Amino acid sequence: MAKCSETLDSETLDGVFAALADPSRRAVIRRLGSGPASVGELAESAPITLPSFLKHIRALEASGLIRTSKSGRVRWCELDPERLGRVDDWLAEQRRIWEARTDRLEQFLTTTKETPDEP
């Protein structure tokens, strides 16, 4: 089994988490989860100017979370589910590591006998 670190290098992971750190970008990801949309459609619900919104689109595209394509005068955005899946794999790996640690701590605490206080 390949480790997640082999399939999603640290620099890529940093870029993905930096992209997801912004609430506007997360809103775009959430919306694209229901299907592709034009930049205009996505920008309608954003409380910022179109040029500022386009910076978010470029950041998401640079992170690999979305892909864009142009059809005529319209730029379309779609989610890259593979990239999100790889992030999910990384998070699952971290969850397994911490669950194993807390399980060992719990086992240690339940098997360790209490020692009486010394005067």
PDB file of N, CA and C in Angstrom:
ATOM      1  N   MET A   1       0.839  -1.177   0.000  1.00  0.00           N
ATOM      2  CA  MET A   1       0.000   0.000   0.000  1.00  0.00           C
ATOM      3  C   MET A   1       0.882   1.237   0.000  1.00  0.00           C
ATOM      4  N   ALA A   2       0.641   2.135  -0.936  1.00  0.00           N
ATOM      5  CA  ALA A   2       1.421   3.364  -1.023  1.00  0.00           C
ATOM      6  C   ALA A   2       0.978   4.331   0.061  1.00  0.00           C
ATOM      7  N   LYS A   3       1.937   4.974   0.671  1.00  0.00           N
ATOM      8  CA  LYS A   3       1.611   5.972   1.674  1.00  0.00           C
ATOM      9  C   LYS A   3       1.105   7.216   0.980  1.00  0.00           C
ATOM     10  N   CYS A   4       0.229   7.950   1.656  1.00  0.00           N
ATOM     11  CA  CYS A   4      -0.325   9.172   1.087  1.00  0.00           C
ATOM     12  C   CYS A   4       0.762  10.171   0.780  1.00  0.00           C
ATOM     13  N   SER A   5       1.817  10.180   1.595  1.00  0.00           N
ATOM     14  CA  SER A   5       2.883  11.149   1.377  1.00  0.00           C
ATOM     15  C   SER A   5       3.566  10.911   0.045  1.00  0.00           C
ATOM     16  N   GLU A   6       3.478   9.679  -0.483  1.00  0.00           N
ATOM     17  CA  GLU A   6       4.070   9.397  -1.779  1.00  0.00           C
ATOM     18  C   GLU A   6       3.200   9.913  -2.908  1.00  0.00           C
ATOM     19  N   THR A   7       1.893   9.933  -2.701  1.00  0.00           N
ATOM     20  CA  THR A   7       0.988  10.346  -3.765  1.00  0.00           C
ATOM     21  C   THR A   7       0.635  11.821  -3.686  1.00  0.00           C
ATOM     22  N   LEU A   8       0.803  12.452  -2.565  1.00  0.00           N
ATOM     23  CA  LEU A   8       0.477  13.867  -2.412  1.00  0.00           C
ATOM     24  C   LEU A   8       1.613  14.509  -1.637  1.00  0.00           C
ATOM     25  N   ASP A   9       2.566  15.108  -2.370  1.00  0.00           N
ATOM     26  CA  ASP A   9       3.737  15.646  -1.703  1.00  0.00           C
ATOM     27  C   ASP A   9       3.383  16.840  -0.826  1.00  0.00           C
ATOM     28  N   SER A  10       4.321  17.190   0.030  1.00  0.00           N
ATOM     29  CA  SER A  10       4.080  18.221   1.025  1.00  0.00           C
ATOM     30  C   SER A  10       3.739  19.572   0.396  1.00  0.00           C
ATOM     31  N   GLU A  11       4.431  19.922  -0.671  1.00  0.00           N
ATOM     32  CA  GLU A  11       4.170  21.216  -1.314  1.00  0.00           C
ATOM     33  C   GLU A  11       2.749  21.268  -1.882  1.00  0.00           C
ATOM     34  N   THR A  12       2.325  20.174  -2.482  1.00  0.00           N
ATOM     35  CA  THR A  12       0.973  20.113  -3.029  1.00  0.00           C
ATOM     36  C   THR A  12      -0.052  20.202  -1.916  1.00  0.00           C
ATOM     37  N   LEU A  13       0.196  19.478  -0.839  1.00  0.00           N
ATOM     38  CA  LEU A  13      -0.718  19.502   0.303  1.00  0.00           C
ATOM     39  C   LEU A  13      -0.807  20.897   0.903  1.00  0.00           C
ATOM     40  N   ASP A  14       0.334  21.585   1.007  1.00  0.00           N
ATOM     41  CA  ASP A  14       0.331  22.963   1.509  1.00  0.00           C
ATOM     42  C   ASP A  14      -0.550  23.852   0.639  1.00  0.00           C
ATOM     43  N   GLY A  15      -0.428  23.705  -0.676  1.00  0.00           N
ATOM     44  CA  GLY A  15      -1.223  24.513  -1.596  1.00  0.00           C
ATOM     45  C   GLY A  15      -2.711  24.241  -1.468  1.00  0.00           C
ATOM     46  N   VAL A  16      -3.064  22.976  -1.285  1.00  0.00           N
ATOM     47  CA  VAL A  16      -4.476  22.610  -1.151  1.00  0.00           C
ATOM     48  C   VAL A  16      -5.047  23.187   0.142  1.00  0.00           C
ATOM     49  N   PHE A  17      -4.324  23.016   1.245  1.00  0.00           N
ATOM     50  CA  PHE A  17      -4.847  23.540   2.507  1.00  0.00           C
ATOM     51  C   PHE A  17      -4.861  25.067   2.518  1.00  0.00           C
ATOM     52  N   ALA A  18      -3.894  25.711   1.868  1.00  0.00           N
ATOM     53  CA  ALA A  18      -3.918  27.180   1.768  1.00  0.00           C
ATOM     54  C   ALA A  18      -5.140  27.625   0.972  1.00  0.00           C
ATOM     55  N   ALA A  19      -5.440  26.904  -0.092  1.00  0.00           N
ATOM     56  CA  ALA A  19      -6.619  27.246  -0.894  1.00  0.00           C
ATOM     57  C   ALA A  19      -7.902  27.054  -0.087  1.00  0.00           C
ATOM     58  N   LEU A  20      -7.957  26.021   0.711  1.00  0.00           N
ATOM     59  CA  LEU A  20      -9.161  25.740   1.489  1.00  0.00           C
ATOM     60  C   LEU A  20      -9.280  26.610   2.735  1.00  0.00           C
ATOM     61  N   ALA A  21      -8.252  27.383   3.048  1.00  0.00           N
ATOM     62  CA  ALA A  21      -8.280  28.213   4.249  1.00  0.00           C
ATOM     63  C   ALA A  21      -9.215  29.405   4.114  1.00  0.00           C
ATOM     64  N   ASP A  22      -9.598  29.748   2.900  1.00  0.00           N
ATOM     65  CA  ASP A  22     -10.437  30.928   2.684  1.00  0.00           C
ATOM     66  C   ASP A  22     -11.914  30.515   2.555  1.00  0.00           C
ATOM     67  N   PRO A  23     -12.821  31.197   3.281  1.00  0.00           N
ATOM     68  CA  PRO A  23     -14.238  30.813   3.214  1.00  0.00           C
ATOM     69  C   PRO A  23     -14.859  30.995   1.827  1.00  0.00           C
ATOM     70  N   SER A  24     -14.406  31.988   1.071  1.00  0.00           N
ATOM     71  CA  SER A  24     -14.943  32.170  -0.291  1.00  0.00           C
ATOM     72  C   SER A  24     -14.573  30.980  -1.169  1.00  0.00           C
ATOM     73  N   ARG A  25     -13.374  30.496  -1.017  1.00  0.00           N
ATOM     74  CA  ARG A  25     -12.930  29.345  -1.815  1.00  0.00           C
ATOM     75  C   ARG A  25     -13.666  28.074  -1.407  1.00  0.00           C
ATOM     76  N   ARG A  26     -13.882  27.930  -0.106  1.00  0.00           N
ATOM     77  CA  ARG A  26     -14.650  26.752   0.346  1.00  0.00           C
ATOM     78  C   ARG A  26     -16.082  26.806  -0.181  1.00  0.00           C
ATOM     79  N   ALA A  27     -16.646  28.016  -0.273  1.00  0.00           N
ATOM     80  CA  ALA A  27     -18.001  28.158  -0.828  1.00  0.00           C
ATOM     81  C   ALA A  27     -18.014  27.734  -2.295  1.00  0.00           C
ATOM     82  N   VAL A  28     -16.976  28.073  -3.028  1.00  0.00           N
ATOM     83  CA  VAL A  28     -16.880  27.660  -4.436  1.00  0.00           C
ATOM     84  C   VAL A  28     -16.790  26.139  -4.524  1.00  0.00           C
ATOM     85  N   ILE A  29     -15.959  25.547  -3.687  1.00  0.00           N
ATOM     86  CA  ILE A  29     -15.808  24.081  -3.682  1.00  0.00           C
ATOM     87  C   ILE A  29     -17.150  23.433  -3.354  1.00  0.00           C
ATOM     88  N   ARG A  30     -17.839  23.982  -2.344  1.00  0.00           N
ATOM     89  CA  ARG A  30     -19.136  23.429  -1.938  1.00  0.00           C
ATOM     90  C   ARG A  30     -20.128  23.506  -3.120  1.00  0.00           C
ATOM     91  N   ARG A  31     -20.164  24.645  -3.790  1.00  0.00           N
ATOM     92  CA  ARG A  31     -21.091  24.810  -4.926  1.00  0.00           C
ATOM     93  C   ARG A  31     -20.732  23.867  -6.068  1.00  0.00           C
ATOM     94  N   LEU A  32     -19.439  23.735  -6.357  1.00  0.00           N
ATOM     95  CA  LEU A  32     -19.026  22.869  -7.463  1.00  0.00           C
ATOM     96  C   LEU A  32     -19.248  21.392  -7.136  1.00  0.00           C
ATOM     97  N   GLY A  33     -19.480  21.083  -5.885  1.00  0.00           N
ATOM     98  CA  GLY A  33     -19.802  19.711  -5.512  1.00  0.00           C
ATOM     99  C   GLY A  33     -21.105  19.241  -6.134  1.00  0.00           C
ATOM    100  N   SER A  34     -21.958  20.185  -6.504  1.00  0.00           N
ATOM    101  CA  SER A  34     -23.226  19.800  -7.146  1.00  0.00           C
ATOM    102  C   SER A  34     -23.147  19.858  -8.667  1.00  0.00           C
ATOM    103  N   GLY A  35     -21.962  20.224  -9.208  1.00  0.00           N
ATOM    104  CA  GLY A  35     -21.790  20.210 -10.657  1.00  0.00           C
ATOM    105  C   GLY A  35     -21.049  21.435 -11.152  1.00  0.00           C
ATOM    106  N   PRO A  36     -20.607  21.383 -12.405  1.00  0.00           N
ATOM    107  CA  PRO A  36     -19.861  22.513 -12.975  1.00  0.00           C
ATOM    108  C   PRO A  36     -20.705  23.785 -12.995  1.00  0.00           C
ATOM    109  N   ALA A  37     -20.015  24.908 -12.980  1.00  0.00           N
ATOM    110  CA  ALA A  37     -20.695  26.209 -13.025  1.00  0.00           C
ATOM    111  C   ALA A  37     -19.774  27.208 -13.711  1.00  0.00           C
ATOM    112  N   SER A  38     -20.393  28.241 -14.270  1.00  0.00           N
ATOM    113  CA  SER A  38     -19.589  29.300 -14.884  1.00  0.00           C
ATOM    114  C   SER A  38     -19.040  30.204 -13.781  1.00  0.00           C
ATOM    115  N   VAL A  39     -17.988  30.921 -14.123  1.00  0.00           N
ATOM    116  CA  VAL A  39     -17.420  31.862 -13.155  1.00  0.00           C
ATOM    117  C   VAL A  39     -18.462  32.905 -12.785  1.00  0.00           C
ATOM    118  N   GLY A  40     -19.256  33.338 -13.765  1.00  0.00           N
ATOM    119  CA  GLY A  40     -20.302  34.320 -13.503  1.00  0.00           C
ATOM    120  C   GLY A  40     -21.317  33.823 -12.483  1.00  0.00           C
ATOM    121  N   GLU A  41     -21.734  32.566 -12.616  1.00  0.00           N
ATOM    122  CA  GLU A  41     -22.690  31.979 -11.660  1.00  0.00           C
ATOM    123  C   GLU A  41     -22.082  31.911 -10.265  1.00  0.00           C
ATOM    124  N   LEU A  42     -20.829  31.516 -10.217  1.00  0.00           N
ATOM    125  CA  LEU A  42     -20.163  31.396  -8.913  1.00  0.00           C
ATOM    126  C   LEU A  42     -19.979  32.757  -8.265  1.00  0.00           C
ATOM    127  N   ALA A  43     -19.687  33.767  -9.082  1.00  0.00           N
ATOM    128  CA  ALA A  43     -19.419  35.107  -8.555  1.00  0.00           C
ATOM    129  C   ALA A  43     -20.683  35.802  -8.064  1.00  0.00           C
ATOM    130  N   GLU A  44     -21.858  35.376  -8.558  1.00  0.00           N
ATOM    131  CA  GLU A  44     -23.112  36.029  -8.155  1.00  0.00           C
ATOM    132  C   GLU A  44     -23.319  36.011  -6.648  1.00  0.00           C
ATOM    133  N   SER A  45     -22.965  34.929  -6.005  1.00  0.00           N
ATOM    134  CA  SER A  45     -23.212  34.820  -4.564  1.00  0.00           C
ATOM    135  C   SER A  45     -22.061  35.355  -3.715  1.00  0.00           C
ATOM    136  N   ALA A  46     -20.973  35.769  -4.358  1.00  0.00           N
ATOM    137  CA  ALA A  46     -19.819  36.279  -3.601  1.00  0.00           C
ATOM    138  C   ALA A  46     -19.982  37.775  -3.350  1.00  0.00           C
ATOM    139  N   PRO A  47     -19.736  38.207  -2.121  1.00  0.00           N
ATOM    140  CA  PRO A  47     -19.901  39.636  -1.799  1.00  0.00           C
ATOM    141  C   PRO A  47     -18.654  40.460  -2.131  1.00  0.00           C
ATOM    142  N   ILE A  48     -17.968  40.113  -3.199  1.00  0.00           N
ATOM    143  CA  ILE A  48     -16.750  40.828  -3.597  1.00  0.00           C
ATOM    144  C   ILE A  48     -16.813  41.119  -5.089  1.00  0.00           C
ATOM    145  N   THR A  49     -15.892  41.965  -5.543  1.00  0.00           N
ATOM    146  CA  THR A  49     -15.870  42.324  -6.962  1.00  0.00           C
ATOM    147  C   THR A  49     -15.403  41.136  -7.799  1.00  0.00           C
ATOM    148  N   LEU A  50     -15.738  41.176  -9.087  1.00  0.00           N
ATOM    149  CA  LEU A  50     -15.345  40.075  -9.970  1.00  0.00           C
ATOM    150  C   LEU A  50     -13.825  39.899 -10.043  1.00  0.00           C
ATOM    151  N   PRO A  51     -13.043  40.991 -10.165  1.00  0.00           N
ATOM    152  CA  PRO A  51     -11.581  40.781 -10.178  1.00  0.00           C
ATOM    153  C   PRO A  51     -11.067  40.103  -8.908  1.00  0.00           C
ATOM    154  N   SER A  52     -11.621  40.475  -7.765  1.00  0.00           N
ATOM    155  CA  SER A  52     -11.203  39.822  -6.512  1.00  0.00           C
ATOM    156  C   SER A  52     -11.640  38.355  -6.506  1.00  0.00           C
ATOM    157  N   PHE A  53     -12.830  38.098  -7.028  1.00  0.00           N
ATOM    158  CA  PHE A  53     -13.317  36.725  -7.072  1.00  0.00           C
ATOM    159  C   PHE A  53     -12.448  35.863  -7.984  1.00  0.00           C
ATOM    160  N   LEU A  54     -12.001  36.469  -9.088  1.00  0.00           N
ATOM    161  CA  LEU A  54     -11.156  35.713 -10.018  1.00  0.00           C
ATOM    162  C   LEU A  54      -9.836  35.279  -9.374  1.00  0.00           C
ATOM    163  N   LYS A  55      -9.352  36.049  -8.408  1.00  0.00           N
ATOM    164  CA  LYS A  55      -8.134  35.643  -7.684  1.00  0.00           C
ATOM    165  C   LYS A  55      -8.389  34.343  -6.926  1.00  0.00           C
ATOM    166  N   HIS A  56      -9.581  34.214  -6.375  1.00  0.00           N
ATOM    167  CA  HIS A  56      -9.925  32.971  -5.672  1.00  0.00           C
ATOM    168  C   HIS A  56      -9.996  31.795  -6.651  1.00  0.00           C
ATOM    169  N   ILE A  57     -10.567  32.051  -7.815  1.00  0.00           N
ATOM    170  CA  ILE A  57     -10.654  30.992  -8.830  1.00  0.00           C
ATOM    171  C   ILE A  57      -9.248  30.556  -9.245  1.00  0.00           C
ATOM    172  N   ARG A  58      -8.373  31.514  -9.459  1.00  0.00           N
ATOM    173  CA  ARG A  58      -6.992  31.171  -9.855  1.00  0.00           C
ATOM    174  C   ARG A  58      -6.281  30.393  -8.748  1.00  0.00           C
ATOM    175  N   ALA A  59      -6.513  30.772  -7.493  1.00  0.00           N
ATOM    176  CA  ALA A  59      -5.888  30.049  -6.372  1.00  0.00           C
ATOM    177  C   ALA A  59      -6.382  28.606  -6.316  1.00  0.00           C
ATOM    178  N   LEU A  60      -7.684  28.416  -6.530  1.00  0.00           N
ATOM    179  CA  LEU A  60      -8.240  27.058  -6.516  1.00  0.00           C
ATOM    180  C   LEU A  60      -7.716  26.242  -7.690  1.00  0.00           C
ATOM    181  N   GLU A  61      -7.585  26.895  -8.830  1.00  0.00           N
ATOM    182  CA  GLU A  61      -7.064  26.206 -10.013  1.00  0.00           C
ATOM    183  C   GLU A  61      -5.586  25.838  -9.803  1.00  0.00           C
ATOM    184  N   ALA A  62      -4.812  26.753  -9.232  1.00  0.00           N
ATOM    185  CA  ALA A  62      -3.391  26.490  -8.979  1.00  0.00           C
ATOM    186  C   ALA A  62      -3.202  25.338  -7.988  1.00  0.00           C
ATOM    187  N   SER A  63      -4.120  25.213  -7.052  1.00  0.00           N
ATOM    188  CA  SER A  63      -4.015  24.123  -6.069  1.00  0.00           C
ATOM    189  C   SER A  63      -4.434  22.784  -6.660  1.00  0.00           C
ATOM    190  N   GLY A  64      -5.079  22.815  -7.812  1.00  0.00           N
ATOM    191  CA  GLY A  64      -5.534  21.580  -8.443  1.00  0.00           C
ATOM    192  C   GLY A  64      -6.909  21.134  -7.986  1.00  0.00           C
ATOM    193  N   LEU A  65      -7.555  21.943  -7.145  1.00  0.00           N
ATOM    194  CA  LEU A  65      -8.870  21.542  -6.648  1.00  0.00           C
ATOM    195  C   LEU A  65      -9.962  21.706  -7.695  1.00  0.00           C
ATOM    196  N   ILE A  66      -9.767  22.667  -8.603  1.00  0.00           N
ATOM    197  CA  ILE A  66     -10.747  22.840  -9.680  1.00  0.00           C
ATOM    198  C   ILE A  66     -10.013  22.925 -11.012  1.00  0.00           C
ATOM    199  N   ARG A  67     -10.760  22.663 -12.070  1.00  0.00           N
ATOM    200  CA  ARG A  67     -10.263  22.843 -13.437  1.00  0.00           C
ATOM    201  C   ARG A  67     -11.173  23.859 -14.104  1.00  0.00           C
ATOM    202  N   THR A  68     -10.607  24.668 -14.982  1.00  0.00           N
ATOM    203  CA  THR A  68     -11.434  25.607 -15.725  1.00  0.00           C
ATOM    204  C   THR A  68     -11.243  25.361 -17.212  1.00  0.00           C
ATOM    205  N   SER A  69     -12.257  25.704 -17.968  1.00  0.00           N
ATOM    206  CA  SER A  69     -12.189  25.617 -19.423  1.00  0.00           C
ATOM    207  C   SER A  69     -13.040  26.752 -19.978  1.00  0.00           C
ATOM    208  N   LYS A  70     -12.722  27.140 -21.179  1.00  0.00           N
ATOM    209  CA  LYS A  70     -13.435  28.256 -21.771  1.00  0.00           C
ATOM    210  C   LYS A  70     -14.268  27.745 -22.936  1.00  0.00           C
ATOM    211  N   SER A  71     -15.532  28.162 -22.957  1.00  0.00           N
ATOM    212  CA  SER A  71     -16.436  27.823 -24.046  1.00  0.00           C
ATOM    213  C   SER A  71     -17.017  29.142 -24.551  1.00  0.00           C
ATOM    214  N   GLY A  72     -16.523  29.596 -25.681  1.00  0.00           N
ATOM    215  CA  GLY A  72     -16.933  30.909 -26.168  1.00  0.00           C
ATOM    216  C   GLY A  72     -16.399  31.988 -25.251  1.00  0.00           C
ATOM    217  N   ARG A  73     -17.306  32.775 -24.695  1.00  0.00           N
ATOM    218  CA  ARG A  73     -16.885  33.843 -23.774  1.00  0.00           C
ATOM    219  C   ARG A  73     -17.068  33.448 -22.314  1.00  0.00           C
ATOM    220  N   VAL A  74     -17.473  32.233 -22.090  1.00  0.00           N
ATOM    221  CA  VAL A  74     -17.778  31.788 -20.721  1.00  0.00           C
ATOM    222  C   VAL A  74     -16.683  30.852 -20.221  1.00  0.00           C
ATOM    223  N   ARG A  75     -16.189  31.138 -19.001  1.00  0.00           N
ATOM    224  CA  ARG A  75     -15.224  30.238 -18.359  1.00  0.00           C
ATOM    225  C   ARG A  75     -15.972  29.353 -17.381  1.00  0.00           C
ATOM    226  N   TRP A  76     -15.821  28.047 -17.566  1.00  0.00           N
ATOM    227  CA  TRP A  76     -16.496  27.057 -16.728  1.00  0.00           C
ATOM    228  C   TRP A  76     -15.529  26.476 -15.713  1.00  0.00           C
ATOM    229  N   CYS A  77     -16.039  26.176 -14.546  1.00  0.00           N
ATOM    230  CA  CYS A  77     -15.247  25.582 -13.466  1.00  0.00           C
ATOM    231  C   CYS A  77     -15.855  24.245 -13.093  1.00  0.00           C
ATOM    232  N   GLU A  78     -14.982  23.302 -12.815  1.00  0.00           N
ATOM    233  CA  GLU A  78     -15.457  22.023 -12.293  1.00  0.00           C
ATOM    234  C   GLU A  78     -14.477  21.511 -11.245  1.00  0.00           C
ATOM    235  N   LEU A  79     -15.027  20.796 -10.298  1.00  0.00           N
ATOM    236  CA  LEU A  79     -14.261  20.247  -9.189  1.00  0.00           C
ATOM    237  C   LEU A  79     -13.396  19.090  -9.669  1.00  0.00           C
ATOM    238  N   ASP A  80     -12.199  18.956  -9.100  1.00  0.00           N
ATOM    239  CA  ASP A  80     -11.366  17.787  -9.365  1.00  0.00           C
ATOM    240  C   ASP A  80     -11.518  16.848  -8.167  1.00  0.00           C
ATOM    241  N   PRO A  81     -12.439  15.903  -8.245  1.00  0.00           N
ATOM    242  CA  PRO A  81     -12.703  15.042  -7.086  1.00  0.00           C
ATOM    243  C   PRO A  81     -11.501  14.187  -6.688  1.00  0.00           C
ATOM    244  N   GLU A  82     -10.624  13.903  -7.653  1.00  0.00           N
ATOM    245  CA  GLU A  82      -9.442  13.099  -7.326  1.00  0.00           C
ATOM    246  C   GLU A  82      -8.549  13.836  -6.327  1.00  0.00           C
ATOM    247  N   ARG A  83      -8.373  15.140  -6.525  1.00  0.00           N
ATOM    248  CA  ARG A  83      -7.519  15.914  -5.605  1.00  0.00           C
ATOM    249  C   ARG A  83      -8.132  15.948  -4.206  1.00  0.00           C
ATOM    250  N   LEU A  84      -9.442  16.154  -4.133  1.00  0.00           N
ATOM    251  CA  LEU A  84     -10.097  16.141  -2.825  1.00  0.00           C
ATOM    252  C   LEU A  84      -9.986  14.758  -2.188  1.00  0.00           C
ATOM    253  N   GLY A  85     -10.084  13.719  -2.990  1.00  0.00           N
ATOM    254  CA  GLY A  85      -9.965  12.361  -2.468  1.00  0.00           C
ATOM    255  C   GLY A  85      -8.579  12.103  -1.897  1.00  0.00           C
ATOM    256  N   ARG A  86      -7.561  12.654  -2.544  1.00  0.00           N
ATOM    257  CA  ARG A  86      -6.204  12.471  -2.050  1.00  0.00           C
ATOM    258  C   ARG A  86      -6.004  13.200  -0.724  1.00  0.00           C
ATOM    259  N   VAL A  87      -6.634  14.373  -0.578  1.00  0.00           N
ATOM    260  CA  VAL A  87      -6.583  15.087   0.696  1.00  0.00           C
ATOM    261  C   VAL A  87      -7.308  14.272   1.759  1.00  0.00           C
ATOM    262  N   ASP A  88      -8.431  13.705   1.391  1.00  0.00           N
ATOM    263  CA  ASP A  88      -9.173  12.858   2.328  1.00  0.00           C
ATOM    264  C   ASP A  88      -8.319  11.670   2.761  1.00  0.00           C
ATOM    265  N   ASP A  89      -7.566  11.076   1.827  1.00  0.00           N
ATOM    266  CA  ASP A  89      -6.671   9.960   2.165  1.00  0.00           C
ATOM    267  C   ASP A  89      -5.629  10.406   3.189  1.00  0.00           C
ATOM    268  N   TRP A  90      -5.068  11.600   2.989  1.00  0.00           N
ATOM    269  CA  TRP A  90      -4.054  12.111   3.909  1.00  0.00           C
ATOM    270  C   TRP A  90      -4.661  12.306   5.305  1.00  0.00           C
ATOM    271  N   LEU A  91      -5.868  12.900   5.344  1.00  0.00           N
ATOM    272  CA  LEU A  91      -6.529  13.115   6.631  1.00  0.00           C
ATOM    273  C   LEU A  91      -6.858  11.779   7.308  1.00  0.00           C
ATOM    274  N   ALA A  92      -7.270  10.791   6.531  1.00  0.00           N
ATOM    275  CA  ALA A  92      -7.579   9.475   7.095  1.00  0.00           C
ATOM    276  C   ALA A  92      -6.318   8.840   7.685  1.00  0.00           C
ATOM    277  N   GLU A  93      -5.182   9.012   6.994  1.00  0.00           N
ATOM    278  CA  GLU A  93      -3.920   8.483   7.506  1.00  0.00           C
ATOM    279  C   GLU A  93      -3.584   9.131   8.850  1.00  0.00           C
ATOM    280  N   GLN A  94      -3.756  10.459   8.948  1.00  0.00           N
ATOM    281  CA  GLN A  94      -3.483  11.158  10.205  1.00  0.00           C
ATOM    282  C   GLN A  94      -4.435  10.695  11.304  1.00  0.00           C
ATOM    283  N   ARG A  95      -5.704  10.482  10.945  1.00  0.00           N
ATOM    284  CA  ARG A  95      -6.693  10.020  11.916  1.00  0.00           C
ATOM    285  C   ARG A  95      -6.295   8.644  12.464  1.00  0.00           C
ATOM    286  N   ARG A  96      -5.849   7.741  11.579  1.00  0.00           N
ATOM    287  CA  ARG A  96      -5.433   6.397  12.023  1.00  0.00           C
ATOM    288  C   ARG A  96      -4.252   6.479  12.980  1.00  0.00           C
ATOM    289  N   ILE A  97      -3.288   7.342  12.672  1.00  0.00           N
ATOM    290  CA  ILE A  97      -2.111   7.495  13.531  1.00  0.00           C
ATOM    291  C   ILE A  97      -2.536   7.964  14.923  1.00  0.00           C
ATOM    292  N   TRP A  98      -3.396   8.986  14.989  1.00  0.00           N
ATOM    293  CA  TRP A  98      -3.785   9.527  16.293  1.00  0.00           C
ATOM    294  C   TRP A  98      -4.712   8.589  17.054  1.00  0.00           C
ATOM    295  N   GLU A  99      -5.557   7.864  16.338  1.00  0.00           N
ATOM    296  CA  GLU A  99      -6.406   6.888  17.025  1.00  0.00           C
ATOM    297  C   GLU A  99      -5.562   5.778  17.627  1.00  0.00           C
ATOM    298  N   ALA A 100      -4.523   5.330  16.936  1.00  0.00           N
ATOM    299  CA  ALA A 100      -3.641   4.298  17.475  1.00  0.00           C
ATOM    300  C   ALA A 100      -2.930   4.820  18.725  1.00  0.00           C
ATOM    301  N   ARG A 101      -2.499   6.067  18.681  1.00  0.00           N
ATOM    302  CA  ARG A 101      -1.824   6.648  19.853  1.00  0.00           C
ATOM    303  C   ARG A 101      -2.764   6.746  21.046  1.00  0.00           C
ATOM    304  N   THR A 102      -3.974   7.232  20.821  1.00  0.00           N
ATOM    305  CA  THR A 102      -4.902   7.358  21.950  1.00  0.00           C
ATOM    306  C   THR A 102      -5.342   5.990  22.457  1.00  0.00           C
ATOM    307  N   ASP A 103      -5.433   5.003  21.545  1.00  0.00           N
ATOM    308  CA  ASP A 103      -5.757   3.639  21.995  1.00  0.00           C
ATOM    309  C   ASP A 103      -4.661   3.100  22.897  1.00  0.00           C
ATOM    310  N   ARG A 104      -3.391   3.329  22.521  1.00  0.00           N
ATOM    311  CA  ARG A 104      -2.274   2.861  23.369  1.00  0.00           C
ATOM    312  C   ARG A 104      -2.275   3.581  24.713  1.00  0.00           C
ATOM    313  N   LEU A 105      -2.580   4.880  24.707  1.00  0.00           N
ATOM    314  CA  LEU A 105      -2.639   5.637  25.961  1.00  0.00           C
ATOM    315  C   LEU A 105      -3.774   5.103  26.840  1.00  0.00           C
ATOM    316  N   GLU A 106      -4.917   4.855  26.251  1.00  0.00           N
ATOM    317  CA  GLU A 106      -6.044   4.327  27.016  1.00  0.00           C
ATOM    318  C   GLU A 106      -5.697   2.966  27.611  1.00  0.00           C
ATOM    319  N   GLN A 107      -5.046   2.114  26.807  1.00  0.00           N
ATOM    320  CA  GLN A 107      -4.663   0.796  27.300  1.00  0.00           C
ATOM    321  C   GLN A 107      -3.667   0.924  28.441  1.00  0.00           C
ATOM    322  N   PHE A 108      -2.709   1.827  28.332  1.00  0.00           N
ATOM    323  CA  PHE A 108      -1.730   2.045  29.389  1.00  0.00           C
ATOM    324  C   PHE A 108      -2.419   2.514  30.663  1.00  0.00           C
ATOM    325  N   LEU A 109      -3.345   3.466  30.516  1.00  0.00           N
ATOM    326  CA  LEU A 109      -3.998   4.010  31.702  1.00  0.00           C
ATOM    327  C   LEU A 109      -4.921   2.998  32.373  1.00  0.00           C
ATOM    328  N   THR A 110      -5.554   2.146  31.608  1.00  0.00           N
ATOM    329  CA  THR A 110      -6.466   1.164  32.222  1.00  0.00           C
ATOM    330  C   THR A 110      -5.721  -0.016  32.819  1.00  0.00           C
ATOM    331  N   THR A 111      -4.510  -0.298  32.364  1.00  0.00           N
ATOM    332  CA  THR A 111      -3.779  -1.450  32.890  1.00  0.00           C
ATOM    333  C   THR A 111      -2.792  -1.067  33.990  1.00  0.00           C
ATOM    334  N   THR A 112      -2.503   0.208  34.110  1.00  0.00           N
ATOM    335  CA  THR A 112      -1.567   0.652  35.143  1.00  0.00           C
ATOM    336  C   THR A 112      -2.277   0.701  36.486  1.00  0.00           C
ATOM    337  N   LYS A 113      -1.666   0.062  37.445  1.00  0.00           N
ATOM    338  CA  LYS A 113      -2.240   0.055  38.780  1.00  0.00           C
ATOM    339  C   LYS A 113      -1.928   1.368  39.468  1.00  0.00           C
ATOM    340  N   GLU A 114      -2.889   1.788  40.274  1.00  0.00           N
ATOM    341  CA  GLU A 114      -2.652   2.994  41.043  1.00  0.00           C
ATOM    342  C   GLU A 114      -1.672   2.664  42.167  1.00  0.00           C
ATOM    343  N   THR A 115      -0.722   3.543  42.369  1.00  0.00           N
ATOM    344  CA  THR A 115       0.220   3.350  43.463  1.00  0.00           C
ATOM    345  C   THR A 115      -0.231   4.225  44.626  1.00  0.00           C
ATOM    346  N   PRO A 116      -0.167   3.688  45.838  1.00  0.00           N
ATOM    347  CA  PRO A 116      -0.602   4.501  46.996  1.00  0.00           C
ATOM    348  C   PRO A 116       0.327   5.695  47.187  1.00  0.00           C
ATOM    349  N   ASP A 117      -0.282   6.776  47.665  1.00  0.00           N
ATOM    350  CA  ASP A 117       0.519   7.973  47.938  1.00  0.00           C
ATOM    351  C   ASP A 117       1.497   7.694  49.069  1.00  0.00           C
ATOM    352  N   GLU A 118       2.703   8.132  48.900  1.00  0.00           N
ATOM    353  CA  GLU A 118       3.694   7.956  49.949  1.00  0.00           C
ATOM    354  C   GLU A 118       3.672   9.162  50.864  1.00  0.00           C
ATOM    355  N   PRO A 119       3.826   8.943  52.137  1.00  0.00           N
ATOM    356  CA  PRO A 119       3.795  10.070  53.091  1.00  0.00           C
ATOM    357  C   PRO A 119       4.976  10.978  52.953  1.00  0.00           C
TER     358      PRO A 119
END
